[in-house]
Amino acid sequence: MNRLRFIAKRLLAAAVIVIFLIAAMFLLEHMSKLDPAHAYLGAGASSQAVAAERIKLGLNRPILVQFVDYLGHVLTGNFGISYRTRNPVFSDIKEYLPNTIELAVFSLILAVLLGLLLGLASTLKIRGFRLIQFILISGASTPVFLLAYLGILIFYAKLHILPASGMTSYQSYPTGPTGMLLVDSLLHLDFGLFFNSLQYIILPGLSLAIVPALSIGRVLRGSLLTTMRQDFIRTARSKGLNESRVFLRHALRNSIGPALSMIGLQAGLLLASDVVVEQIFSWPGVGYYIAQSIPVGDFPAISGVTIFFGIFYVLINTLVDIGQQLADPRIRT
């Protein structure tokens, strides 16, 4: 019952946050100097056409009524029409989203693996952990865009071992069923395409992964050091359990909660950096799409992507909170 109550509270809090996010984007659009009707019709539209379009879009109605309609549209996946592409924003997002998911998941997996390596190596004093720590700290102290350019300079321009832009050198490749090139190439048993695509995703993936990896590793290390000093660890050792079993079955399990929370937080922050990385590496994802929309003031695209990623971020953190509580029943609030 306590777990169900906890899950219900987290879901309710997530719903409230999403509504506040939608309200914030609605207010920003109305506070901006951009006239949606004029932007949609184009700079050469007459005042009569703009006035008619404002009525058609419902911009002459009370603001509360407009917000209720806006909220209903967003919650049903209607983010409006892009001024730049003239397509529904949700359709544009669906087109670009698989590429962003592929890059984000690949980067997050790298971040988790590097974070676990750092956390475990520094806690257990494994040989070479100082070098791992130095590399990750140096990387985390560097802005993401600079990491990306350094990666291009070293691995593309100097060593010529990794490509610097795009997703693959193949001219034709499968576009389904997932839309994610690495996954689809495996499903079609096209291993040449898989390894080719893997080469293209390494540089942008590493650029996104290094900063989250250090945060995850630091939190895991701190949690492990605290747990290793607890009485139940000494009790497990006194029972004759070997050190590896004590570490894996008792210390690591009871220390993973804070690391899970940090992974959820870093997943959202990773999406924020994704816009920069996709632009640098010409990665055709949602970040690249919104980067093209900002200079032309395409507010439906900007707000649609912001809300979409905001909902995703809230959902990830809610699932992490629930997973943390399931892993550690001591968490009640």
C-alpha atoms as a PDB file:
ATOM      1  CA  MET A   1       0.000   0.000   0.000  1.00  0.00           C
ATOM      2  CA  ASN A   2       2.836   2.393   0.858  1.00  0.00           C
ATOM      3  CA  ARG A   3       4.456   1.722  -2.492  1.00  0.00           C
ATOM      4  CA  LEU A   4       1.205   2.377  -4.348  1.00  0.00           C
ATOM      5  CA  ARG A   5       0.768   5.640  -2.452  1.00  0.00           C
ATOM      6  CA  PHE A   6       4.340   6.633  -3.280  1.00  0.00           C
ATOM      7  CA  ILE A   7       3.836   5.867  -6.989  1.00  0.00           C
ATOM      8  CA  ALA A   8       0.535   7.787  -7.041  1.00  0.00           C
ATOM      9  CA  LYS A   9       2.202  10.845  -5.444  1.00  0.00           C
ATOM     10  CA  ARG A  10       5.032  10.795  -7.975  1.00  0.00           C
ATOM     11  CA  LEU A  11       2.649  10.486 -10.926  1.00  0.00           C
ATOM     12  CA  LEU A  12       0.489  13.340  -9.593  1.00  0.00           C
ATOM     13  CA  ALA A  13       3.564  15.535  -9.109  1.00  0.00           C
ATOM     14  CA  ALA A  14       4.698  14.721 -12.664  1.00  0.00           C
ATOM     15  CA  ALA A  15       1.294  15.718 -14.074  1.00  0.00           C
ATOM     16  CA  VAL A  16       1.385  19.050 -12.207  1.00  0.00           C
ATOM     17  CA  ILE A  17       4.897  19.818 -13.465  1.00  0.00           C
ATOM     18  CA  VAL A  18       3.885  19.062 -17.056  1.00  0.00           C
ATOM     19  CA  ILE A  19       0.863  21.394 -16.808  1.00  0.00           C
ATOM     20  CA  PHE A  20       3.081  24.175 -15.417  1.00  0.00           C
ATOM     21  CA  LEU A  21       5.533  23.636 -18.270  1.00  0.00           C
ATOM     22  CA  ILE A  22       2.763  23.894 -20.863  1.00  0.00           C
ATOM     23  CA  ALA A  23       1.443  27.038 -19.146  1.00  0.00           C
ATOM     24  CA  ALA A  24       4.932  28.584 -19.193  1.00  0.00           C
ATOM     25  CA  MET A  25       5.326  27.976 -22.933  1.00  0.00           C
ATOM     26  CA  PHE A  26       1.837  29.373 -23.581  1.00  0.00           C
ATOM     27  CA  LEU A  27       2.657  32.555 -21.650  1.00  0.00           C
ATOM     28  CA  LEU A  28       6.020  32.950 -23.383  1.00  0.00           C
ATOM     29  CA  GLU A  29       4.334  32.750 -26.763  1.00  0.00           C
ATOM     30  CA  HIS A  30       1.804  35.413 -25.782  1.00  0.00           C
ATOM     31  CA  MET A  31       4.477  37.638 -24.225  1.00  0.00           C
ATOM     32  CA  SER A  32       6.650  37.519 -27.326  1.00  0.00           C
ATOM     33  CA  LYS A  33       6.361  40.244 -29.961  1.00  0.00           C
ATOM     34  CA  LEU A  34       5.842  37.657 -32.672  1.00  0.00           C
ATOM     35  CA  ASP A  35       2.321  37.564 -34.128  1.00  0.00           C
ATOM     36  CA  PRO A  36       1.515  33.885 -34.836  1.00  0.00           C
ATOM     37  CA  ALA A  37      -0.955  34.772 -37.594  1.00  0.00           C
ATOM     38  CA  HIS A  38       1.509  37.091 -39.337  1.00  0.00           C
ATOM     39  CA  ALA A  39       4.359  34.584 -38.933  1.00  0.00           C
ATOM     40  CA  TYR A  40       2.265  31.797 -40.399  1.00  0.00           C
ATOM     41  CA  LEU A  41       1.071  33.823 -43.423  1.00  0.00           C
ATOM     42  CA  GLY A  42       4.466  35.358 -44.137  1.00  0.00           C
ATOM     43  CA  ALA A  43       5.945  38.835 -44.169  1.00  0.00           C
ATOM     44  CA  GLY A  44       4.006  39.885 -47.272  1.00  0.00           C
ATOM     45  CA  ALA A  45       0.549  39.152 -45.853  1.00  0.00           C
ATOM     46  CA  SER A  46      -1.982  41.989 -45.808  1.00  0.00           C
ATOM     47  CA  SER A  47      -3.466  43.301 -42.573  1.00  0.00           C
ATOM     48  CA  GLN A  48      -6.885  41.962 -43.582  1.00  0.00           C
ATOM     49  CA  ALA A  49      -5.478  38.470 -44.137  1.00  0.00           C
ATOM     50  CA  VAL A  50      -3.645  38.604 -40.802  1.00  0.00           C
ATOM     51  CA  ALA A  51      -6.823  39.706 -39.000  1.00  0.00           C
ATOM     52  CA  ALA A  52      -8.797  36.868 -40.597  1.00  0.00           C
ATOM     53  CA  GLU A  53      -6.094  34.359 -39.668  1.00  0.00           C
ATOM     54  CA  ARG A  54      -6.106  35.579 -36.054  1.00  0.00           C
ATOM     55  CA  ILE A  55      -9.827  34.836 -35.872  1.00  0.00           C
ATOM     56  CA  LYS A  56      -9.257  31.452 -37.495  1.00  0.00           C
ATOM     57  CA  LEU A  57      -6.550  30.630 -34.938  1.00  0.00           C
ATOM     58  CA  GLY A  58      -8.773  31.807 -32.080  1.00  0.00           C
ATOM     59  CA  LEU A  59      -6.377  34.562 -30.994  1.00  0.00           C
ATOM     60  CA  ASN A  60      -9.261  36.981 -30.485  1.00  0.00           C
ATOM     61  CA  ARG A  61     -10.781  34.900 -27.674  1.00  0.00           C
ATOM     62  CA  PRO A  62     -10.132  35.401 -23.926  1.00  0.00           C
ATOM     63  CA  ILE A  63      -6.687  34.226 -22.892  1.00  0.00           C
ATOM     64  CA  LEU A  64      -8.049  31.639 -20.433  1.00  0.00           C
ATOM     65  CA  VAL A  65     -10.110  30.028 -23.203  1.00  0.00           C
ATOM     66  CA  GLN A  66      -7.041  30.045 -25.443  1.00  0.00           C
ATOM     67  CA  PHE A  67      -4.999  28.322 -22.736  1.00  0.00           C
ATOM     68  CA  VAL A  68      -7.592  25.601 -22.202  1.00  0.00           C
ATOM     69  CA  ASP A  69      -7.630  24.929 -25.953  1.00  0.00           C
ATOM     70  CA  TYR A  70      -3.822  25.019 -26.071  1.00  0.00           C
ATOM     71  CA  LEU A  71      -3.580  22.587 -23.155  1.00  0.00           C
ATOM     72  CA  GLY A  72      -6.051  20.215 -24.789  1.00  0.00           C
ATOM     73  CA  HIS A  73      -4.208  20.338 -28.110  1.00  0.00           C
ATOM     74  CA  VAL A  74      -0.795  19.711 -26.527  1.00  0.00           C
ATOM     75  CA  LEU A  75      -2.033  16.808 -24.406  1.00  0.00           C
ATOM     76  CA  THR A  76      -3.396  15.164 -27.571  1.00  0.00           C
ATOM     77  CA  GLY A  77      -0.116  15.675 -29.455  1.00  0.00           C
ATOM     78  CA  ASN A  78      -1.126  18.765 -31.440  1.00  0.00           C
ATOM     79  CA  PHE A  79       1.771  21.249 -31.127  1.00  0.00           C
ATOM     80  CA  GLY A  80       0.626  23.422 -34.019  1.00  0.00           C
ATOM     81  CA  ILE A  81       2.033  23.993 -37.499  1.00  0.00           C
ATOM     82  CA  SER A  82       5.694  24.831 -38.028  1.00  0.00           C
ATOM     83  CA  TYR A  83       6.188  28.222 -39.675  1.00  0.00           C
ATOM     84  CA  ARG A  84       9.349  26.926 -41.375  1.00  0.00           C
ATOM     85  CA  THR A  85       8.379  23.480 -42.683  1.00  0.00           C
ATOM     86  CA  ARG A  86       4.595  24.058 -42.896  1.00  0.00           C
ATOM     87  CA  ASN A  87       4.137  20.597 -41.405  1.00  0.00           C
ATOM     88  CA  PRO A  88       2.520  19.690 -38.078  1.00  0.00           C
ATOM     89  CA  VAL A  89       5.244  20.023 -35.437  1.00  0.00           C
ATOM     90  CA  PHE A  90       4.433  16.589 -34.033  1.00  0.00           C
ATOM     91  CA  SER A  91       4.990  15.058 -37.488  1.00  0.00           C
ATOM     92  CA  ASP A  92       8.362  16.794 -37.712  1.00  0.00           C
ATOM     93  CA  ILE A  93       9.294  15.532 -34.250  1.00  0.00           C
ATOM     94  CA  LYS A  94       8.321  11.968 -35.179  1.00  0.00           C
ATOM     95  CA  GLU A  95      10.515  12.196 -38.266  1.00  0.00           C
ATOM     96  CA  TYR A  96      13.606  13.382 -36.410  1.00  0.00           C
ATOM     97  CA  LEU A  97      13.028  11.712 -33.038  1.00  0.00           C
ATOM     98  CA  PRO A  98      14.452   8.213 -33.776  1.00  0.00           C
ATOM     99  CA  ASN A  99      17.851   9.718 -34.588  1.00  0.00           C
ATOM    100  CA  THR A 100      17.849  11.719 -31.364  1.00  0.00           C
ATOM    101  CA  ILE A 101      16.756   8.702 -29.312  1.00  0.00           C
ATOM    102  CA  GLU A 102      19.537   6.624 -30.850  1.00  0.00           C
ATOM    103  CA  LEU A 103      22.189   9.225 -30.029  1.00  0.00           C
ATOM    104  CA  ALA A 104      20.797   9.923 -26.539  1.00  0.00           C
ATOM    105  CA  VAL A 105      20.519   6.238 -25.576  1.00  0.00           C
ATOM    106  CA  PHE A 106      23.986   5.480 -26.928  1.00  0.00           C
ATOM    107  CA  SER A 107      25.419   8.455 -25.007  1.00  0.00           C
ATOM    108  CA  LEU A 108      23.595   7.521 -21.810  1.00  0.00           C
ATOM    109  CA  ILE A 109      24.841   3.922 -22.019  1.00  0.00           C
ATOM    110  CA  LEU A 110      28.384   5.250 -22.456  1.00  0.00           C
ATOM    111  CA  ALA A 111      27.890   7.638 -19.527  1.00  0.00           C
ATOM    112  CA  VAL A 112      26.578   4.883 -17.244  1.00  0.00           C
ATOM    113  CA  LEU A 113      29.396   2.499 -18.177  1.00  0.00           C
ATOM    114  CA  LEU A 114      32.077   5.164 -17.711  1.00  0.00           C
ATOM    115  CA  GLY A 115      30.432   6.351 -14.482  1.00  0.00           C
ATOM    116  CA  LEU A 116      30.292   2.810 -13.079  1.00  0.00           C
ATOM    117  CA  LEU A 117      33.912   2.270 -14.101  1.00  0.00           C
ATOM    118  CA  LEU A 118      34.991   5.451 -12.354  1.00  0.00           C
ATOM    119  CA  GLY A 119      32.890   4.810  -9.235  1.00  0.00           C
ATOM    120  CA  LEU A 120      33.967   1.197  -8.795  1.00  0.00           C
ATOM    121  CA  ALA A 121      37.606   1.765  -9.754  1.00  0.00           C
ATOM    122  CA  SER A 122      38.048   4.697  -7.372  1.00  0.00           C
ATOM    123  CA  THR A 123      36.279   2.915  -4.501  1.00  0.00           C
ATOM    124  CA  LEU A 124      38.183  -0.354  -4.901  1.00  0.00           C
ATOM    125  CA  LYS A 125      41.460   1.437  -5.751  1.00  0.00           C
ATOM    126  CA  ILE A 126      41.855  -0.526  -8.982  1.00  0.00           C
ATOM    127  CA  ARG A 127      45.171   0.085 -10.753  1.00  0.00           C
ATOM    128  CA  GLY A 128      44.887   2.899 -13.250  1.00  0.00           C
ATOM    129  CA  PHE A 129      41.820   4.536 -11.646  1.00  0.00           C
ATOM    130  CA  ARG A 130      43.724   7.819 -11.232  1.00  0.00           C
ATOM    131  CA  LEU A 131      44.183   8.039 -14.999  1.00  0.00           C
ATOM    132  CA  ILE A 132      40.482   7.304 -15.599  1.00  0.00           C
ATOM    133  CA  GLN A 133      39.546   9.936 -13.027  1.00  0.00           C
ATOM    134  CA  PHE A 134      41.897  12.523 -14.541  1.00  0.00           C
ATOM    135  CA  ILE A 135      40.539  11.985 -18.063  1.00  0.00           C
ATOM    136  CA  LEU A 136      36.896  12.233 -16.969  1.00  0.00           C
ATOM    137  CA  ILE A 137      37.469  15.281 -14.741  1.00  0.00           C
ATOM    138  CA  SER A 138      39.343  17.027 -17.557  1.00  0.00           C
ATOM    139  CA  GLY A 139      36.532  16.207 -19.949  1.00  0.00           C
ATOM    140  CA  ALA A 140      33.807  17.303 -17.551  1.00  0.00           C
ATOM    141  CA  SER A 141      35.568  20.647 -17.042  1.00  0.00           C
ATOM    142  CA  THR A 142      35.395  21.335 -20.775  1.00  0.00           C
ATOM    143  CA  PRO A 143      32.255  22.761 -22.462  1.00  0.00           C
ATOM    144  CA  VAL A 144      30.386  20.239 -24.592  1.00  0.00           C
ATOM    145  CA  PHE A 145      30.897  22.175 -27.820  1.00  0.00           C
ATOM    146  CA  LEU A 146      34.660  22.323 -27.175  1.00  0.00           C
ATOM    147  CA  LEU A 147      34.746  18.588 -26.443  1.00  0.00           C
ATOM    148  CA  ALA A 148      33.022  18.004 -29.766  1.00  0.00           C
ATOM    149  CA  TYR A 149      35.489  20.170 -31.694  1.00  0.00           C
ATOM    150  CA  LEU A 150      38.464  18.588 -29.901  1.00  0.00           C
ATOM    151  CA  GLY A 151      37.130  15.152 -30.825  1.00  0.00           C
ATOM    152  CA  ILE A 152      36.842  16.199 -34.467  1.00  0.00           C
ATOM    153  CA  LEU A 153      40.340  17.718 -34.418  1.00  0.00           C
ATOM    154  CA  ILE A 154      41.982  14.642 -32.857  1.00  0.00           C
ATOM    155  CA  PHE A 155      40.077  11.661 -34.197  1.00  0.00           C
ATOM    156  CA  TYR A 156      39.050  13.025 -37.603  1.00  0.00           C
ATOM    157  CA  ALA A 157      41.568  15.654 -38.686  1.00  0.00           C
ATOM    158  CA  LYS A 158      44.726  14.163 -37.103  1.00  0.00           C
ATOM    159  CA  LEU A 159      44.206  10.427 -36.676  1.00  0.00           C
ATOM    160  CA  HIS A 160      41.651   9.905 -39.490  1.00  0.00           C
ATOM    161  CA  ILE A 161      39.937   7.074 -37.610  1.00  0.00           C
ATOM    162  CA  LEU A 162      36.441   8.500 -36.983  1.00  0.00           C
ATOM    163  CA  PRO A 163      34.090  10.525 -39.231  1.00  0.00           C
ATOM    164  CA  ALA A 164      33.054  14.035 -38.228  1.00  0.00           C
ATOM    165  CA  SER A 165      29.492  14.445 -39.535  1.00  0.00           C
ATOM    166  CA  GLY A 166      26.393  12.575 -40.587  1.00  0.00           C
ATOM    167  CA  MET A 167      25.127   9.142 -39.582  1.00  0.00           C
ATOM    168  CA  THR A 168      26.629   6.799 -42.202  1.00  0.00           C
ATOM    169  CA  SER A 169      28.564   6.775 -45.443  1.00  0.00           C
ATOM    170  CA  TYR A 170      26.053   4.363 -47.004  1.00  0.00           C
ATOM    171  CA  GLN A 171      23.931   5.923 -49.732  1.00  0.00           C
ATOM    172  CA  SER A 172      20.966   3.598 -49.119  1.00  0.00           C
ATOM    173  CA  TYR A 173      19.951   1.866 -45.926  1.00  0.00           C
ATOM    174  CA  PRO A 174      16.814   0.467 -44.256  1.00  0.00           C
ATOM    175  CA  THR A 175      14.472   3.068 -42.758  1.00  0.00           C
ATOM    176  CA  GLY A 176      12.457   0.729 -40.548  1.00  0.00           C
ATOM    177  CA  PRO A 177      11.042  -0.630 -38.420  1.00  0.00           C
ATOM    178  CA  THR A 178      12.425   1.595 -35.624  1.00  0.00           C
ATOM    179  CA  GLY A 179      13.990   4.430 -37.638  1.00  0.00           C
ATOM    180  CA  MET A 180      17.185   4.016 -35.569  1.00  0.00           C
ATOM    181  CA  LEU A 181      20.034   3.092 -37.871  1.00  0.00           C
ATOM    182  CA  LEU A 182      22.018   0.913 -35.467  1.00  0.00           C
ATOM    183  CA  VAL A 183      18.956  -1.069 -34.416  1.00  0.00           C
ATOM    184  CA  ASP A 184      17.542  -1.425 -37.929  1.00  0.00           C
ATOM    185  CA  SER A 185      20.883  -2.561 -39.350  1.00  0.00           C
ATOM    186  CA  LEU A 186      20.996  -5.345 -36.756  1.00  0.00           C
ATOM    187  CA  LEU A 187      17.392  -6.316 -37.423  1.00  0.00           C
ATOM    188  CA  HIS A 188      18.220  -6.575 -41.143  1.00  0.00           C
ATOM    189  CA  LEU A 189      21.459  -8.457 -40.307  1.00  0.00           C
ATOM    190  CA  ASP A 190      23.430  -5.797 -42.178  1.00  0.00           C
ATOM    191  CA  PHE A 191      26.590  -5.852 -40.043  1.00  0.00           C
ATOM    192  CA  GLY A 192      28.559  -3.719 -42.479  1.00  0.00           C
ATOM    193  CA  LEU A 193      26.044  -0.891 -42.036  1.00  0.00           C
ATOM    194  CA  PHE A 194      26.005  -1.463 -38.275  1.00  0.00           C
ATOM    195  CA  PHE A 195      29.758  -1.027 -37.833  1.00  0.00           C
ATOM    196  CA  ASN A 196      29.791   1.884 -40.265  1.00  0.00           C
ATOM    197  CA  SER A 197      27.039   3.641 -38.316  1.00  0.00           C
ATOM    198  CA  LEU A 198      28.798   2.839 -35.044  1.00  0.00           C
ATOM    199  CA  GLN A 199      31.846   4.764 -36.256  1.00  0.00           C
ATOM    200  CA  TYR A 200      29.682   7.824 -36.938  1.00  0.00           C
ATOM    201  CA  ILE A 201      27.970   7.833 -33.546  1.00  0.00           C
ATOM    202  CA  ILE A 202      31.090   7.440 -31.368  1.00  0.00           C
ATOM    203  CA  LEU A 203      32.287  11.065 -31.488  1.00  0.00           C
ATOM    204  CA  PRO A 204      28.913  12.746 -30.788  1.00  0.00           C
ATOM    205  CA  GLY A 205      28.149  10.037 -28.230  1.00  0.00           C
ATOM    206  CA  LEU A 206      31.389  10.598 -26.317  1.00  0.00           C
ATOM    207  CA  SER A 207      30.920  14.378 -26.458  1.00  0.00           C
ATOM    208  CA  LEU A 208      27.585  13.969 -24.681  1.00  0.00           C
ATOM    209  CA  ALA A 209      28.649  11.179 -22.296  1.00  0.00           C
ATOM    210  CA  ILE A 210      31.726  12.508 -20.515  1.00  0.00           C
ATOM    211  CA  VAL A 211      30.068  15.136 -18.289  1.00  0.00           C
ATOM    212  CA  PRO A 212      27.225  12.823 -17.114  1.00  0.00           C
ATOM    213  CA  ALA A 213      29.743   9.994 -16.565  1.00  0.00           C
ATOM    214  CA  LEU A 214      31.736  12.030 -14.062  1.00  0.00           C
ATOM    215  CA  SER A 215      28.606  13.045 -12.138  1.00  0.00           C
ATOM    216  CA  ILE A 216      27.358   9.448 -11.991  1.00  0.00           C
ATOM    217  CA  GLY A 217      30.785   8.164 -10.944  1.00  0.00           C
ATOM    218  CA  ARG A 218      31.186  10.741  -8.175  1.00  0.00           C
ATOM    219  CA  VAL A 219      27.757  10.046  -6.706  1.00  0.00           C
ATOM    220  CA  LEU A 220      28.278   6.270  -6.849  1.00  0.00           C
ATOM    221  CA  ARG A 221      31.704   6.538  -5.228  1.00  0.00           C
ATOM    222  CA  GLY A 222      30.407   8.732  -2.383  1.00  0.00           C
ATOM    223  CA  SER A 223      27.474   6.409  -1.781  1.00  0.00           C
ATOM    224  CA  LEU A 224      29.703   3.319  -1.826  1.00  0.00           C
ATOM    225  CA  LEU A 225      32.189   4.814   0.631  1.00  0.00           C
ATOM    226  CA  THR A 226      29.345   5.671   3.024  1.00  0.00           C
ATOM    227  CA  THR A 227      27.774   2.235   2.702  1.00  0.00           C
ATOM    228  CA  MET A 228      31.064   0.388   3.228  1.00  0.00           C
ATOM    229  CA  ARG A 229      31.294   1.954   6.687  1.00  0.00           C
ATOM    230  CA  GLN A 230      27.863   0.733   7.785  1.00  0.00           C
ATOM    231  CA  ASP A 231      27.329  -1.910  10.493  1.00  0.00           C
ATOM    232  CA  PHE A 232      25.620  -4.405   8.184  1.00  0.00           C
ATOM    233  CA  ILE A 233      28.749  -4.509   5.993  1.00  0.00           C
ATOM    234  CA  ARG A 234      30.871  -5.414   9.022  1.00  0.00           C
ATOM    235  CA  THR A 235      28.285  -8.022   9.959  1.00  0.00           C
ATOM    236  CA  ALA A 236      28.434  -9.560   6.478  1.00  0.00           C
ATOM    237  CA  ARG A 237      32.227  -9.723   6.698  1.00  0.00           C
ATOM    238  CA  SER A 238      32.073 -11.309  10.161  1.00  0.00           C
ATOM    239  CA  LYS A 239      29.931 -14.104   8.702  1.00  0.00           C
ATOM    240  CA  GLY A 240      32.847 -15.111   6.507  1.00  0.00           C
ATOM    241  CA  LEU A 241      31.596 -13.745   3.189  1.00  0.00           C
ATOM    242  CA  ASN A 242      34.389 -12.897   0.775  1.00  0.00           C
ATOM    243  CA  GLU A 243      34.990  -9.260  -0.096  1.00  0.00           C
ATOM    244  CA  SER A 244      33.634  -9.441  -3.641  1.00  0.00           C
ATOM    245  CA  ARG A 245      30.360 -10.963  -2.442  1.00  0.00           C
ATOM    246  CA  VAL A 246      30.023  -8.371   0.328  1.00  0.00           C
ATOM    247  CA  PHE A 247      30.633  -5.608  -2.209  1.00  0.00           C
ATOM    248  CA  LEU A 248      28.301  -6.858  -4.931  1.00  0.00           C
ATOM    249  CA  ARG A 249      25.406  -8.222  -2.853  1.00  0.00           C
ATOM    250  CA  HIS A 250      25.363  -5.740   0.002  1.00  0.00           C
ATOM    251  CA  ALA A 251      27.331  -2.559  -0.652  1.00  0.00           C
ATOM    252  CA  LEU A 252      26.535  -1.999  -4.332  1.00  0.00           C
ATOM    253  CA  ARG A 253      22.823  -2.792  -4.019  1.00  0.00           C
ATOM    254  CA  ASN A 254      22.391  -0.360  -1.129  1.00  0.00           C
ATOM    255  CA  SER A 255      24.416   2.349  -2.878  1.00  0.00           C
ATOM    256  CA  ILE A 256      22.775   2.300  -6.298  1.00  0.00           C
ATOM    257  CA  GLY A 257      19.814   4.547  -5.368  1.00  0.00           C
ATOM    258  CA  PRO A 258      21.627   7.925  -5.510  1.00  0.00           C
ATOM    259  CA  ALA A 259      23.346   6.841  -8.734  1.00  0.00           C
ATOM    260  CA  LEU A 260      19.954   6.034 -10.283  1.00  0.00           C
ATOM    261  CA  SER A 261      18.704   9.497  -9.351  1.00  0.00           C
ATOM    262  CA  MET A 262      21.779  11.048 -10.922  1.00  0.00           C
ATOM    263  CA  ILE A 263      21.285   8.988 -14.107  1.00  0.00           C
ATOM    264  CA  GLY A 264      17.737  10.351 -14.390  1.00  0.00           C
ATOM    265  CA  LEU A 265      18.936  13.910 -13.853  1.00  0.00           C
ATOM    266  CA  GLN A 266      21.768  13.528 -16.356  1.00  0.00           C
ATOM    267  CA  ALA A 267      19.377  12.060 -18.957  1.00  0.00           C
ATOM    268  CA  GLY A 268      17.530  15.373 -18.996  1.00  0.00           C
ATOM    269  CA  LEU A 269      20.694  17.477 -19.010  1.00  0.00           C
ATOM    270  CA  LEU A 270      22.046  15.312 -21.815  1.00  0.00           C
ATOM    271  CA  LEU A 271      19.064  16.289 -23.974  1.00  0.00           C
ATOM    272  CA  ALA A 272      19.901  19.961 -23.409  1.00  0.00           C
ATOM    273  CA  SER A 273      23.435  19.432 -24.729  1.00  0.00           C
ATOM    274  CA  ASP A 274      22.093  17.321 -27.559  1.00  0.00           C
ATOM    275  CA  VAL A 275      21.019  20.440 -29.499  1.00  0.00           C
ATOM    276  CA  VAL A 276      24.611  21.696 -29.657  1.00  0.00           C
ATOM    277  CA  VAL A 277      26.135  18.314 -30.504  1.00  0.00           C
ATOM    278  CA  GLU A 278      23.630  17.531 -33.258  1.00  0.00           C
ATOM    279  CA  GLN A 279      24.337  20.900 -34.836  1.00  0.00           C
ATOM    280  CA  ILE A 280      28.125  20.395 -34.742  1.00  0.00           C
ATOM    281  CA  PHE A 281      28.043  16.854 -36.134  1.00  0.00           C
ATOM    282  CA  SER A 282      25.143  17.503 -38.571  1.00  0.00           C
ATOM    283  CA  TRP A 283      23.209  14.756 -36.837  1.00  0.00           C
ATOM    284  CA  PRO A 284      19.645  14.862 -38.253  1.00  0.00           C
ATOM    285  CA  GLY A 285      17.751  14.708 -34.976  1.00  0.00           C
ATOM    286  CA  VAL A 286      15.290  16.866 -33.062  1.00  0.00           C
ATOM    287  CA  GLY A 287      18.139  19.032 -31.755  1.00  0.00           C
ATOM    288  CA  TYR A 288      19.187  19.819 -35.312  1.00  0.00           C
ATOM    289  CA  TYR A 289      15.543  20.547 -36.176  1.00  0.00           C
ATOM    290  CA  ILE A 290      15.090  23.044 -33.334  1.00  0.00           C
ATOM    291  CA  ALA A 291      18.464  24.658 -34.077  1.00  0.00           C
ATOM    292  CA  GLN A 292      17.169  25.391 -37.583  1.00  0.00           C
ATOM    293  CA  SER A 293      13.885  26.745 -36.171  1.00  0.00           C
ATOM    294  CA  ILE A 294      15.291  29.231 -33.641  1.00  0.00           C
ATOM    295  CA  PRO A 295      16.846  31.736 -36.112  1.00  0.00           C
ATOM    296  CA  VAL A 296      13.546  32.088 -38.024  1.00  0.00           C
ATOM    297  CA  GLY A 297      11.383  32.469 -34.900  1.00  0.00           C
ATOM    298  CA  ASP A 298       9.447  29.255 -35.483  1.00  0.00           C
ATOM    299  CA  PHE A 299       7.743  29.331 -32.069  1.00  0.00           C
ATOM    300  CA  PRO A 300       5.413  26.328 -32.566  1.00  0.00           C
ATOM    301  CA  ALA A 301       8.451  24.172 -33.348  1.00  0.00           C
ATOM    302  CA  ILE A 302      10.438  25.621 -30.436  1.00  0.00           C
ATOM    303  CA  SER A 303       7.616  25.259 -27.901  1.00  0.00           C
ATOM    304  CA  GLY A 304       6.593  21.844 -29.253  1.00  0.00           C
ATOM    305  CA  VAL A 305      10.090  20.398 -28.897  1.00  0.00           C
ATOM    306  CA  THR A 306      10.533  22.035 -25.471  1.00  0.00           C
ATOM    307  CA  ILE A 307       7.286  20.577 -24.166  1.00  0.00           C
ATOM    308  CA  PHE A 308       7.985  17.188 -25.708  1.00  0.00           C
ATOM    309  CA  PHE A 309      11.441  16.963 -24.142  1.00  0.00           C
ATOM    310  CA  GLY A 310      10.099  18.416 -20.894  1.00  0.00           C
ATOM    311  CA  ILE A 311       7.497  15.658 -20.647  1.00  0.00           C
ATOM    312  CA  PHE A 312      10.189  13.096 -21.442  1.00  0.00           C
ATOM    313  CA  TYR A 313      12.478  14.530 -18.750  1.00  0.00           C
ATOM    314  CA  VAL A 314       9.727  14.503 -16.123  1.00  0.00           C
ATOM    315  CA  LEU A 315       8.756  10.957 -17.083  1.00  0.00           C
ATOM    316  CA  ILE A 316      12.349   9.699 -16.826  1.00  0.00           C
ATOM    317  CA  ASN A 317      12.837  11.236 -13.391  1.00  0.00           C
ATOM    318  CA  THR A 318       9.487   9.888 -12.192  1.00  0.00           C
ATOM    319  CA  LEU A 319      10.427   6.385 -13.319  1.00  0.00           C
ATOM    320  CA  VAL A 320      13.830   6.755 -11.641  1.00  0.00           C
ATOM    321  CA  ASP A 321      12.166   7.823  -8.366  1.00  0.00           C
ATOM    322  CA  ILE A 322       9.830   4.843  -8.529  1.00  0.00           C
ATOM    323  CA  GLY A 323      12.686   2.485  -9.401  1.00  0.00           C
ATOM    324  CA  GLN A 324      14.763   3.888  -6.549  1.00  0.00           C
ATOM    325  CA  GLN A 325      11.951   3.276  -4.101  1.00  0.00           C
ATOM    326  CA  LEU A 326      11.484  -0.284  -5.346  1.00  0.00           C
ATOM    327  CA  ALA A 327      15.222  -0.905  -4.994  1.00  0.00           C
ATOM    328  CA  ASP A 328      15.344   0.658  -1.507  1.00  0.00           C
ATOM    329  CA  PRO A 329      12.018   0.309   0.381  1.00  0.00           C
ATOM    330  CA  ARG A 330      13.313   2.688   3.071  1.00  0.00           C
ATOM    331  CA  ILE A 331      12.394   5.584   0.751  1.00  0.00           C
ATOM    332  CA  ARG A 332       8.896   6.769   1.616  1.00  0.00           C
ATOM    333  CA  THR A 333       8.702  10.365   0.466  1.00  0.00           C
END
